[in-house]
Amino acid sequence: MAATLPPPRLLPSGDSAVTVEFSRTIDDDANQRVLALDKALAASPIDGITETVPTYRSLLVHYDPGKIGFDALGDKLLPIAIQPPPPVTKARRWRVPVAYGGEHGIDLEDVAKALSTTPDDIVARHAGGDYKVAMIGFTPGWSYLSGLDKSLHMSRRQNPRLLTPAGTISIGGVQAGIQCLAAPSGWHLLGRTPVRTYQLHRDPTFLTEPGDRVTFFSIDHKTFEELDRAAEAGEIVAEQVDA
């Protein structure tokens, strides 16, 4: 798997960070290497590293330049980064409830028309997917998901919305996502989940993390309201199941 990808590049990112780039495009193999490097550095820390931020195709490594320089850090990072990632171990798996369509998924019918099918078929395809949390970004808890069925790949909206609701379940390009906080978005809104992937005063604050697996299941709007109240009170309403 790793042999099909070019060797990683080490890119200066300001005066106290380096980006370890495995690919220039969204790629599941590259993402696996990103997560493997992140875990390796967590298991065997390099003195001077202060934080790591995994993304789809690269790992941002923050460091203290008073303890280690860019070249010295690169000499330590590269031998680890070029190693083939270990086999994927058992990951946490979440079943996430979604109220599709209507006021919660205002783009569902338009997506169905664009793909020459029905809203029910779009729901079946989306809920039938097996997704991986590839990265967290944009806003706290925003879970970017790889694994979207190719039949659902479509360009983002020409006119992004200035604000979309918290809990929005959406698709855009080759990606799917779980949006935790209200935010702008150019993705297509299929539904909403009552699940809070980020909740400041809850333990854990962040529900999902890179490498987790996610599946969706449909709920009616009454059930959404019930679960939403429970989630607001701090309850985790996603189901954690055996991977």
Protein backbone atom coordinates (compact mmCIF):
# COMPACT_ATOMS: atom_id res chain seq x y z
CA MET A 1 0.00 0.00 0.00
CA ALA A 2 2.59 2.57 1.13
CA ALA A 3 4.83 1.77 -1.87
CA THR A 4 2.26 3.31 -4.21
CA LEU A 5 2.66 6.71 -2.58
CA PRO A 6 5.62 9.09 -2.94
CA PRO A 7 7.89 9.61 0.07
CA PRO A 8 6.60 12.23 2.49
CA ARG A 9 7.69 15.85 2.17
CA LEU A 10 8.77 17.97 5.14
CA LEU A 11 7.45 21.50 4.73
CA PRO A 12 8.29 24.43 7.04
CA SER A 13 5.09 25.89 8.47
CA GLY A 14 6.11 29.10 10.18
CA ASP A 15 9.01 29.19 12.63
CA SER A 16 7.73 26.49 15.00
CA ALA A 17 5.93 23.86 12.95
CA VAL A 18 6.60 21.37 10.18
CA THR A 19 4.07 19.72 7.88
CA VAL A 20 4.72 16.08 7.03
CA GLU A 21 2.88 15.75 3.72
CA PHE A 22 2.07 12.27 2.39
CA SER A 23 -0.07 13.24 -0.61
CA ARG A 24 -1.41 16.28 -2.41
CA THR A 25 -4.90 14.85 -2.76
CA ILE A 26 -7.45 13.21 -0.46
CA ASP A 27 -6.27 9.62 -0.26
CA ASP A 28 -7.21 6.87 2.20
CA ASP A 29 -3.74 5.30 2.09
CA ALA A 30 -2.14 8.66 2.84
CA ASN A 31 -4.59 9.23 5.67
CA GLN A 32 -3.66 5.88 7.19
CA ARG A 33 0.00 6.91 7.12
CA VAL A 34 -0.87 10.24 8.73
CA LEU A 35 -2.71 8.54 11.58
CA ALA A 36 0.06 5.95 11.98
CA LEU A 37 2.70 8.68 12.32
CA ASP A 38 0.51 10.56 14.79
CA LYS A 39 0.14 7.44 16.93
CA ALA A 40 3.85 6.65 16.70
CA LEU A 41 4.77 10.11 17.98
CA ALA A 42 2.23 9.80 20.79
CA ALA A 43 3.70 6.44 21.80
CA SER A 44 7.35 7.55 21.54
CA PRO A 45 7.45 11.35 21.89
CA ILE A 46 10.29 13.36 20.39
CA ASP A 47 11.62 15.94 22.82
CA GLY A 48 10.58 19.40 21.66
CA ILE A 49 7.31 18.46 19.95
CA THR A 50 4.42 20.33 21.57
CA GLU A 51 1.41 19.24 19.51
CA THR A 52 0.39 17.26 16.43
CA VAL A 53 -2.61 17.91 14.18
CA PRO A 54 -3.62 15.11 11.78
CA THR A 55 -5.42 15.95 8.53
CA TYR A 56 -6.49 13.98 5.47
CA ARG A 57 -3.05 13.92 3.88
CA SER A 58 -0.54 15.49 6.25
CA LEU A 59 0.46 15.79 9.88
CA LEU A 60 1.21 19.23 11.27
CA VAL A 61 3.87 18.97 13.96
CA HIS A 62 4.31 21.94 16.31
CA TYR A 63 7.62 22.17 18.13
CA ASP A 64 9.57 24.37 20.52
CA PRO A 65 12.46 25.86 18.50
CA GLY A 66 14.31 26.46 21.75
CA LYS A 67 14.56 22.69 22.20
CA ILE A 68 14.88 21.41 18.65
CA GLY A 69 15.40 22.95 15.22
CA PHE A 70 13.67 22.24 11.93
CA ASP A 71 16.52 20.19 10.47
CA ALA A 72 17.07 18.13 13.61
CA LEU A 73 13.35 17.46 13.92
CA GLY A 74 13.16 16.47 10.27
CA ASP A 75 16.00 13.99 10.77
CA LYS A 76 13.96 12.34 13.53
CA LEU A 77 10.60 12.49 11.78
CA LEU A 78 11.51 11.18 8.35
CA PRO A 79 12.69 7.68 9.38
CA ILE A 80 9.39 7.20 11.22
CA ALA A 81 7.26 8.70 8.46
CA ILE A 82 8.65 6.45 5.70
CA GLN A 83 7.77 3.27 7.57
CA PRO A 84 4.77 1.34 6.19
CA PRO A 85 1.80 1.82 8.51
CA PRO A 86 0.89 -1.17 10.65
CA PRO A 87 -2.31 -3.10 9.88
CA VAL A 88 -5.43 -1.22 10.91
CA THR A 89 -6.36 -2.22 14.43
CA LYS A 90 -9.83 -2.42 15.85
CA ALA A 91 -11.35 1.07 15.83
CA ARG A 92 -14.17 2.60 17.81
CA ARG A 93 -17.43 2.49 15.89
CA TRP A 94 -20.31 4.93 16.29
CA ARG A 95 -23.90 4.57 15.08
CA VAL A 96 -25.18 8.09 14.57
CA PRO A 97 -28.93 8.86 14.36
CA VAL A 98 -30.03 11.23 11.60
CA ALA A 99 -33.33 12.95 10.83
CA TYR A 100 -33.19 13.14 7.05
CA GLY A 101 -35.00 15.63 4.84
CA GLY A 102 -37.62 18.24 5.64
CA GLU A 103 -36.47 21.18 7.72
CA HIS A 104 -33.46 19.16 8.88
CA GLY A 105 -32.21 18.24 5.41
CA ILE A 106 -33.21 21.04 3.11
CA ASP A 107 -31.04 19.86 0.20
CA LEU A 108 -32.16 16.22 0.17
CA GLU A 109 -34.72 16.63 -2.62
CA ASP A 110 -32.37 18.75 -4.74
CA VAL A 111 -29.61 16.17 -4.36
CA ALA A 112 -32.03 13.43 -5.43
CA LYS A 113 -33.05 15.43 -8.51
CA ALA A 114 -29.42 16.17 -9.40
CA LEU A 115 -28.59 12.46 -9.21
CA SER A 116 -31.79 11.38 -11.01
CA THR A 117 -33.16 9.36 -8.14
CA THR A 118 -35.46 9.66 -5.12
CA PRO A 119 -34.88 11.12 -1.65
CA ASP A 120 -35.44 7.68 -0.13
CA ASP A 121 -32.70 6.26 -2.34
CA ILE A 122 -30.28 9.00 -1.30
CA VAL A 123 -31.03 8.24 2.36
CA ALA A 124 -30.48 4.52 1.77
CA ARG A 125 -27.15 5.13 0.04
CA HIS A 126 -25.93 7.58 2.68
CA ALA A 127 -27.08 5.50 5.66
CA GLY A 128 -25.67 2.36 4.02
CA GLY A 129 -22.13 3.73 4.00
CA ASP A 130 -19.25 2.76 6.26
CA TYR A 131 -17.24 5.89 7.03
CA LYS A 132 -13.94 6.72 8.69
CA VAL A 133 -13.26 9.91 10.62
CA ALA A 134 -10.32 11.13 8.55
CA MET A 135 -9.78 14.37 10.44
CA ILE A 136 -11.33 16.93 12.77
CA GLY A 137 -11.22 20.53 11.63
CA PHE A 138 -12.82 23.82 10.57
CA THR A 139 -14.76 24.17 13.83
CA PRO A 140 -14.52 22.15 17.07
CA GLY A 141 -15.86 18.63 16.57
CA TRP A 142 -16.38 18.96 12.79
CA SER A 143 -15.81 15.37 11.65
CA TYR A 144 -14.63 14.95 8.06
CA LEU A 145 -15.57 11.48 6.83
CA SER A 146 -14.02 9.41 4.07
CA GLY A 147 -15.88 6.49 2.52
CA LEU A 148 -18.74 8.33 0.81
CA ASP A 149 -20.35 6.14 -1.85
CA LYS A 150 -19.09 7.22 -5.28
CA SER A 151 -22.68 7.52 -6.48
CA LEU A 152 -23.09 10.42 -4.02
CA HIS A 153 -20.01 12.37 -5.12
CA MET A 154 -21.10 15.78 -6.35
CA SER A 155 -19.74 19.30 -6.55
CA ARG A 156 -20.34 21.63 -3.65
CA ARG A 157 -23.02 24.30 -3.85
CA GLN A 158 -22.26 27.23 -6.13
CA ASN A 159 -23.51 29.60 -3.43
CA PRO A 160 -22.44 28.62 0.09
CA ARG A 161 -24.82 29.40 2.92
CA LEU A 162 -23.69 31.92 5.53
CA LEU A 163 -25.06 29.76 8.35
CA THR A 164 -26.13 26.14 8.62
CA PRO A 165 -27.48 24.44 11.76
CA ALA A 166 -25.49 22.60 14.39
CA GLY A 167 -25.68 18.86 13.87
CA THR A 168 -25.97 19.10 10.10
CA ILE A 169 -25.18 15.92 8.18
CA SER A 170 -23.90 16.86 4.74
CA ILE A 171 -21.96 15.81 1.67
CA GLY A 172 -19.61 17.77 -0.58
CA GLY A 173 -17.26 16.58 -3.29
CA VAL A 174 -15.98 13.15 -2.23
CA GLN A 175 -16.59 13.79 1.46
CA ALA A 176 -19.28 13.39 4.07
CA GLY A 177 -19.38 15.25 7.34
CA ILE A 178 -20.85 15.71 10.80
CA GLN A 179 -21.08 19.39 11.68
CA CYS A 180 -21.19 20.10 15.39
CA LEU A 181 -21.62 23.87 15.63
CA ALA A 182 -23.65 26.28 13.51
CA ALA A 183 -21.34 27.49 10.75
CA PRO A 184 -21.13 28.57 7.10
CA SER A 185 -21.13 25.72 4.58
CA GLY A 186 -21.15 25.05 0.86
CA TRP A 187 -22.02 21.38 1.32
CA HIS A 188 -25.38 19.73 0.61
CA LEU A 189 -27.50 19.31 3.74
CA LEU A 190 -29.12 15.87 3.93
CA GLY A 191 -30.24 15.85 7.56
CA ARG A 192 -29.38 16.62 11.17
CA THR A 193 -28.17 14.57 14.07
CA PRO A 194 -28.83 15.28 17.74
CA VAL A 195 -25.34 13.95 18.52
CA ARG A 196 -22.88 16.53 19.84
CA THR A 197 -19.43 15.61 18.60
CA TYR A 198 -18.19 18.53 20.72
CA GLN A 199 -19.65 19.71 24.00
CA LEU A 200 -17.47 21.92 26.17
CA HIS A 201 -18.68 20.85 29.62
CA ARG A 202 -19.12 17.15 28.85
CA ASP A 203 -16.63 14.38 29.50
CA PRO A 204 -15.40 13.61 26.90
CA THR A 205 -15.46 17.06 25.33
CA PHE A 206 -14.84 15.57 21.87
CA LEU A 207 -16.78 12.46 20.93
CA THR A 208 -15.12 11.40 17.68
CA GLU A 209 -11.44 11.25 16.83
CA PRO A 210 -9.48 10.43 13.66
CA GLY A 211 -9.60 6.73 12.89
CA ASP A 212 -13.06 6.14 14.37
CA ARG A 213 -15.65 4.41 12.18
CA VAL A 214 -19.13 5.87 11.68
CA THR A 215 -22.41 4.56 10.32
CA PHE A 216 -25.73 6.40 10.18
CA PHE A 217 -29.31 5.32 10.78
CA SER A 218 -32.54 7.17 10.09
CA ILE A 219 -34.84 8.49 12.82
CA ASP A 220 -38.10 10.42 12.63
CA HIS A 221 -38.31 14.06 13.60
CA LYS A 222 -40.06 13.36 16.91
CA THR A 223 -37.23 11.06 17.96
CA PHE A 224 -34.78 13.75 16.90
CA GLU A 225 -36.38 16.23 19.29
CA GLU A 226 -36.27 13.73 22.17
CA LEU A 227 -32.64 12.82 21.58
CA ASP A 228 -31.72 16.47 21.06
CA ARG A 229 -32.99 17.35 24.53
CA ALA A 230 -31.04 14.46 26.02
CA ALA A 231 -27.89 15.48 24.17
CA GLU A 232 -28.25 19.09 25.30
CA ALA A 233 -28.25 17.80 28.87
CA GLY A 234 -24.91 16.10 28.23
CA GLU A 235 -26.01 12.60 27.27
CA ILE A 236 -24.12 10.82 24.50
CA VAL A 237 -26.90 9.74 22.14
CA ALA A 238 -24.67 8.08 19.55
CA GLU A 239 -24.39 4.33 19.96
CA GLN A 240 -20.90 2.92 20.43
CA VAL A 241 -20.80 -0.61 19.04
CA ASP A 242 -18.19 -3.31 18.50
CA ALA A 243 -16.13 -2.63 15.38
